[in-house]
């Protein structure tokens, strides 16, 4: 175990940093974990599993804190997850082409980051919006859930920009919703992968990385409620998404 830690010390530091930053804005960090692992020699199928396990560890802490703060609105979340859970399971079972996935993911995230950054309108902490169209939210949730399970992310990096741009609710409630969404989709996605007879993962390395993201996540999700204002929450989300997208595009296009 010690030898594995020494050989992968840079992964441990990077995973800790990503968990800290992403937890502070209500994400799990799955897309960044994938971007980091893409630089290593780890098999793509294992990358998906490691990213989802790390997502689960980070956002579980987020969900617990948001629940204690009574920020989670389950009535509004249910339409988003009712189809995303089974679709994430199906997506986790599907095999995909690595290069095409990363190229599409990179462009999608870059577009989302730019759109969030230039958007001037933002819900205030006291503003409550009513975007509770059941069919629309279920459709969005199902599509994002399938993509998330297929590529090994929780889907928050897709869902959060969508909710911000539609003024779905206040920034902190969007962060709470994204955390719940990421958690249930990551659980469903990893369930789909475990059902695949070809599933494999290095449990020793995974356990070390899970420890790193647990510590980083615990620190990050506490920074959210104490230091980040609504506008900083939105800007931080855009910056993180842009960083991931640029890193992926540099790796797989240039």
Protein backbone atom coordinates (compact mmCIF):
# COMPACT_ATOMS: atom_id res chain seq x y z
CA UNK A 1 0.00 0.00 0.00
CA UNK A 2 2.84 2.42 0.89
CA UNK A 3 4.58 1.67 -2.40
CA UNK A 4 1.38 2.44 -4.32
CA UNK A 5 1.06 5.74 -2.42
CA UNK A 6 4.65 6.73 -3.24
CA UNK A 7 4.25 5.83 -6.92
CA UNK A 8 1.04 7.87 -7.18
CA UNK A 9 1.70 10.76 -4.76
CA UNK A 10 0.89 13.34 -7.43
CA UNK A 11 -2.54 11.79 -7.98
CA UNK A 12 -3.23 11.93 -4.25
CA UNK A 13 -2.37 15.66 -4.08
CA UNK A 14 -4.37 16.51 -7.20
CA UNK A 15 -7.41 14.51 -6.05
CA UNK A 16 -7.31 16.21 -2.65
CA UNK A 17 -7.17 19.65 -4.31
CA UNK A 18 -10.00 18.89 -6.74
CA UNK A 19 -12.22 17.54 -3.95
CA UNK A 20 -11.61 20.66 -1.86
CA UNK A 21 -12.45 23.04 -4.71
CA UNK A 22 -15.41 21.15 -6.12
CA UNK A 23 -17.00 20.42 -2.75
CA UNK A 24 -16.97 24.17 -2.04
CA UNK A 25 -19.35 24.73 -4.98
CA UNK A 26 -21.47 21.60 -4.51
CA UNK A 27 -19.81 19.34 -7.09
CA UNK A 28 -18.17 15.94 -6.75
CA UNK A 29 -15.34 16.59 -9.21
CA UNK A 30 -15.84 13.51 -11.40
CA UNK A 31 -14.90 15.28 -14.63
CA UNK A 32 -11.66 16.62 -13.13
CA UNK A 33 -10.77 13.21 -11.70
CA UNK A 34 -11.17 11.82 -15.21
CA UNK A 35 -9.00 14.58 -16.66
CA UNK A 36 -6.28 13.87 -14.10
CA UNK A 37 -6.44 10.10 -14.59
CA UNK A 38 -6.22 10.62 -18.35
CA UNK A 39 -2.60 11.70 -17.78
CA UNK A 40 -1.80 8.40 -16.09
CA UNK A 41 -1.51 4.86 -17.41
CA UNK A 42 -4.71 3.72 -15.70
CA UNK A 43 -7.18 1.96 -18.00
CA UNK A 44 -10.18 4.02 -19.11
CA UNK A 45 -12.66 1.53 -17.65
CA UNK A 46 -10.99 1.87 -14.25
CA UNK A 47 -10.94 5.65 -14.54
CA UNK A 48 -14.72 5.74 -14.75
CA UNK A 49 -15.10 3.64 -11.61
CA UNK A 50 -12.54 5.60 -9.58
CA UNK A 51 -14.17 8.92 -10.55
CA UNK A 52 -17.61 7.72 -9.49
CA UNK A 53 -16.38 6.31 -6.17
CA UNK A 54 -14.66 9.63 -5.43
CA UNK A 55 -17.83 11.50 -6.38
CA UNK A 56 -19.80 9.46 -3.87
CA UNK A 57 -17.35 10.15 -1.05
CA UNK A 58 -17.20 13.91 -1.68
CA UNK A 59 -20.88 14.68 -2.25
CA UNK A 60 -22.09 12.48 0.61
CA UNK A 61 -20.50 15.01 2.94
CA UNK A 62 -22.05 17.86 0.94
CA UNK A 63 -25.53 16.35 1.08
CA UNK A 64 -25.25 15.77 4.83
CA UNK A 65 -24.32 19.41 5.49
CA UNK A 66 -26.95 20.79 3.10
CA UNK A 67 -29.57 18.59 4.78
CA UNK A 68 -28.60 19.90 8.22
CA UNK A 69 -28.89 23.45 6.89
CA UNK A 70 -32.35 22.59 5.47
CA UNK A 71 -31.34 23.78 2.00
CA UNK A 72 -32.42 20.64 0.11
CA UNK A 73 -35.87 20.85 -1.51
CA UNK A 74 -36.78 17.23 -2.20
CA UNK A 75 -40.05 18.12 -3.94
CA UNK A 76 -38.13 19.98 -6.64
CA UNK A 77 -35.35 17.38 -6.81
CA UNK A 78 -37.56 14.31 -7.34
CA UNK A 79 -38.49 15.18 -10.97
CA UNK A 80 -34.80 15.59 -11.77
CA UNK A 81 -33.76 12.20 -10.40
CA UNK A 82 -36.78 10.00 -11.13
CA UNK A 83 -35.42 9.09 -14.57
CA UNK A 84 -31.77 10.00 -14.06
CA UNK A 85 -31.22 7.09 -11.65
CA UNK A 86 -32.24 4.24 -14.02
CA UNK A 87 -30.65 6.02 -16.99
CA UNK A 88 -27.37 6.46 -15.10
CA UNK A 89 -27.43 2.73 -14.33
CA UNK A 90 -27.90 1.92 -18.02
CA UNK A 91 -25.19 4.41 -18.98
CA UNK A 92 -22.77 2.84 -16.52
CA UNK A 93 -23.25 -0.51 -18.23
CA UNK A 94 -22.56 0.84 -21.73
CA UNK A 95 -19.11 0.74 -23.34
CA UNK A 96 -17.90 3.98 -24.99
CA UNK A 97 -15.00 5.22 -27.12
CA UNK A 98 -12.54 7.13 -24.98
CA UNK A 99 -11.28 9.79 -27.41
CA UNK A 100 -14.67 10.79 -28.82
CA UNK A 101 -16.10 11.04 -25.33
CA UNK A 102 -13.42 13.41 -24.08
CA UNK A 103 -13.63 15.67 -27.15
CA UNK A 104 -17.41 16.04 -26.87
CA UNK A 105 -17.19 16.50 -23.11
CA UNK A 106 -14.51 19.19 -23.47
CA UNK A 107 -16.52 21.31 -25.92
CA UNK A 108 -19.73 20.91 -23.93
CA UNK A 109 -18.12 22.01 -20.67
CA UNK A 110 -16.34 24.93 -22.31
CA UNK A 111 -19.64 26.20 -23.71
CA UNK A 112 -21.29 25.85 -20.31
CA UNK A 113 -18.45 27.71 -18.56
CA UNK A 114 -18.49 30.64 -21.02
CA UNK A 115 -22.27 30.92 -20.83
CA UNK A 116 -22.24 30.98 -17.04
CA UNK A 117 -19.43 33.56 -16.89
CA UNK A 118 -21.07 36.09 -19.25
CA UNK A 119 -24.55 35.65 -17.80
CA UNK A 120 -25.29 38.79 -15.76
CA UNK A 121 -28.49 37.67 -14.12
CA UNK A 122 -28.23 35.68 -10.93
CA UNK A 123 -30.84 34.72 -8.37
CA UNK A 124 -30.42 36.37 -4.99
CA UNK A 125 -30.43 34.41 -1.77
CA UNK A 126 -34.01 35.57 -1.05
CA UNK A 127 -35.37 35.01 -4.53
CA UNK A 128 -37.42 31.89 -5.10
CA UNK A 129 -38.20 30.86 -8.64
CA UNK A 130 -40.73 28.33 -9.85
CA UNK A 131 -39.31 26.10 -12.58
CA UNK A 132 -41.12 22.95 -11.54
CA UNK A 133 -42.25 21.62 -14.92
CA UNK A 134 -42.24 17.89 -14.16
CA UNK A 135 -41.83 16.61 -17.72
CA UNK A 136 -39.08 19.09 -18.59
CA UNK A 137 -37.10 18.44 -15.40
CA UNK A 138 -37.54 14.67 -15.80
CA UNK A 139 -36.32 14.82 -19.39
CA UNK A 140 -33.26 16.86 -18.48
CA UNK A 141 -32.53 14.56 -15.55
CA UNK A 142 -32.84 11.40 -17.63
CA UNK A 143 -30.55 12.67 -20.41
CA UNK A 144 -27.91 13.97 -18.01
CA UNK A 145 -28.16 10.78 -15.96
CA UNK A 146 -27.48 8.58 -18.99
CA UNK A 147 -24.48 10.63 -20.10
CA UNK A 148 -23.17 10.77 -16.54
CA UNK A 149 -23.33 7.05 -15.99
CA UNK A 150 -21.81 6.36 -19.40
CA UNK A 151 -18.74 8.55 -18.96
CA UNK A 152 -18.18 8.21 -15.21
CA UNK A 153 -19.31 11.56 -13.78
CA UNK A 154 -22.16 12.52 -11.46
CA UNK A 155 -23.75 15.01 -13.85
CA UNK A 156 -23.59 18.08 -11.63
CA UNK A 157 -21.27 19.83 -14.06
CA UNK A 158 -24.07 19.63 -16.65
CA UNK A 159 -27.01 20.17 -14.31
CA UNK A 160 -25.66 23.16 -12.36
CA UNK A 161 -25.14 25.46 -15.40
CA UNK A 162 -28.60 24.54 -16.66
CA UNK A 163 -30.20 25.38 -13.31
CA UNK A 164 -28.27 28.65 -13.02
CA UNK A 165 -29.19 29.78 -16.53
CA UNK A 166 -32.90 29.04 -15.96
CA UNK A 167 -32.88 30.70 -12.51
CA UNK A 168 -34.16 27.43 -11.09
CA UNK A 169 -33.49 28.56 -7.51
CA UNK A 170 -30.91 30.36 -5.37
CA UNK A 171 -27.22 29.49 -5.95
CA UNK A 172 -26.88 27.60 -2.67
CA UNK A 173 -30.04 25.57 -3.33
CA UNK A 174 -28.72 24.78 -6.80
CA UNK A 175 -25.46 23.61 -5.20
CA UNK A 176 -27.47 21.43 -2.79
CA UNK A 177 -29.58 20.03 -5.64
CA UNK A 178 -26.47 19.29 -7.71
CA UNK A 179 -24.94 17.43 -4.76
CA UNK A 180 -28.00 15.19 -4.37
CA UNK A 181 -28.15 14.66 -8.14
CA UNK A 182 -24.46 13.72 -8.29
CA UNK A 183 -24.80 11.32 -5.37
CA UNK A 184 -27.74 9.31 -6.71
CA UNK A 185 -26.37 9.23 -10.26
CA UNK A 186 -22.91 8.19 -9.12
CA UNK A 187 -24.43 5.36 -7.08
CA UNK A 188 -26.54 4.26 -10.05
CA UNK A 189 -23.62 4.60 -12.47
CA UNK A 190 -21.28 2.53 -10.33
CA UNK A 191 -24.06 -0.02 -9.94
CA UNK A 192 -24.24 -0.34 -13.71
CA UNK A 193 -20.47 -0.76 -13.95
CA UNK A 194 -20.43 -3.41 -11.22
CA UNK A 195 -23.08 -5.31 -13.18
CA UNK A 196 -20.79 -5.46 -16.18
CA UNK A 197 -18.84 -8.76 -16.16
CA UNK A 198 -15.78 -6.93 -17.50
CA UNK A 199 -15.61 -4.55 -14.53
CA UNK A 200 -12.21 -4.20 -12.88
CA UNK A 201 -10.50 -1.65 -10.62
CA UNK A 202 -7.33 -1.35 -8.53
CA UNK A 203 -8.82 -1.35 -5.04
CA UNK A 204 -5.56 -0.42 -3.29
CA UNK A 205 -5.06 2.74 -5.35
CA UNK A 206 -8.77 3.52 -5.19
CA UNK A 207 -8.84 3.37 -1.39
CA UNK A 208 -5.88 5.80 -1.17
CA UNK A 209 -7.57 8.26 -3.53
CA UNK A 210 -10.87 7.93 -1.67
CA UNK A 211 -9.13 8.91 1.57
CA UNK A 212 -7.62 11.98 -0.13
CA UNK A 213 -10.94 13.18 -1.56
CA UNK A 214 -12.76 12.53 1.72
CA UNK A 215 -10.41 14.87 3.57
CA UNK A 216 -10.48 17.47 0.78
CA UNK A 217 -14.24 17.26 0.49
CA UNK A 218 -14.79 17.74 4.21
CA UNK A 219 -12.74 20.93 4.10
CA UNK A 220 -14.31 22.18 0.88
CA UNK A 221 -17.96 21.75 1.78
CA UNK A 222 -17.42 23.83 4.91
CA UNK A 223 -15.79 26.65 2.96
CA UNK A 224 -18.94 26.96 0.86
CA UNK A 225 -21.23 28.19 3.61
CA UNK A 226 -18.68 30.49 5.26
CA UNK A 227 -16.67 32.19 2.56
CA UNK A 228 -18.47 32.07 -0.80
CA UNK A 229 -21.13 34.65 -1.71
CA UNK A 230 -23.76 33.76 -4.36
CA UNK A 231 -21.88 35.55 -7.16
CA UNK A 232 -18.56 33.96 -6.16
CA UNK A 233 -20.31 30.59 -6.07
CA UNK A 234 -21.40 31.05 -9.67
CA UNK A 235 -18.05 32.43 -10.88
CA UNK A 236 -16.14 29.65 -9.12
CA UNK A 237 -18.33 27.08 -10.85
CA UNK A 238 -17.59 28.65 -14.26
CA UNK A 239 -13.84 28.74 -13.62
CA UNK A 240 -13.73 25.10 -12.54
CA UNK A 241 -15.73 23.97 -15.56
CA UNK A 242 -13.49 25.99 -17.93
CA UNK A 243 -10.33 24.51 -16.39
CA UNK A 244 -11.58 20.97 -16.91
CA UNK A 245 -12.73 21.58 -20.49
CA UNK A 246 -9.47 23.23 -21.60
CA UNK A 247 -7.38 20.49 -20.00
CA UNK A 248 -9.37 17.79 -21.76
CA UNK A 249 -9.25 19.52 -25.17
CA UNK A 250 -5.49 20.09 -24.92
CA UNK A 251 -5.00 16.42 -24.14
CA UNK A 252 -7.20 14.95 -26.86
CA UNK A 253 -7.03 17.44 -29.76
CA UNK A 254 -3.67 19.20 -29.74
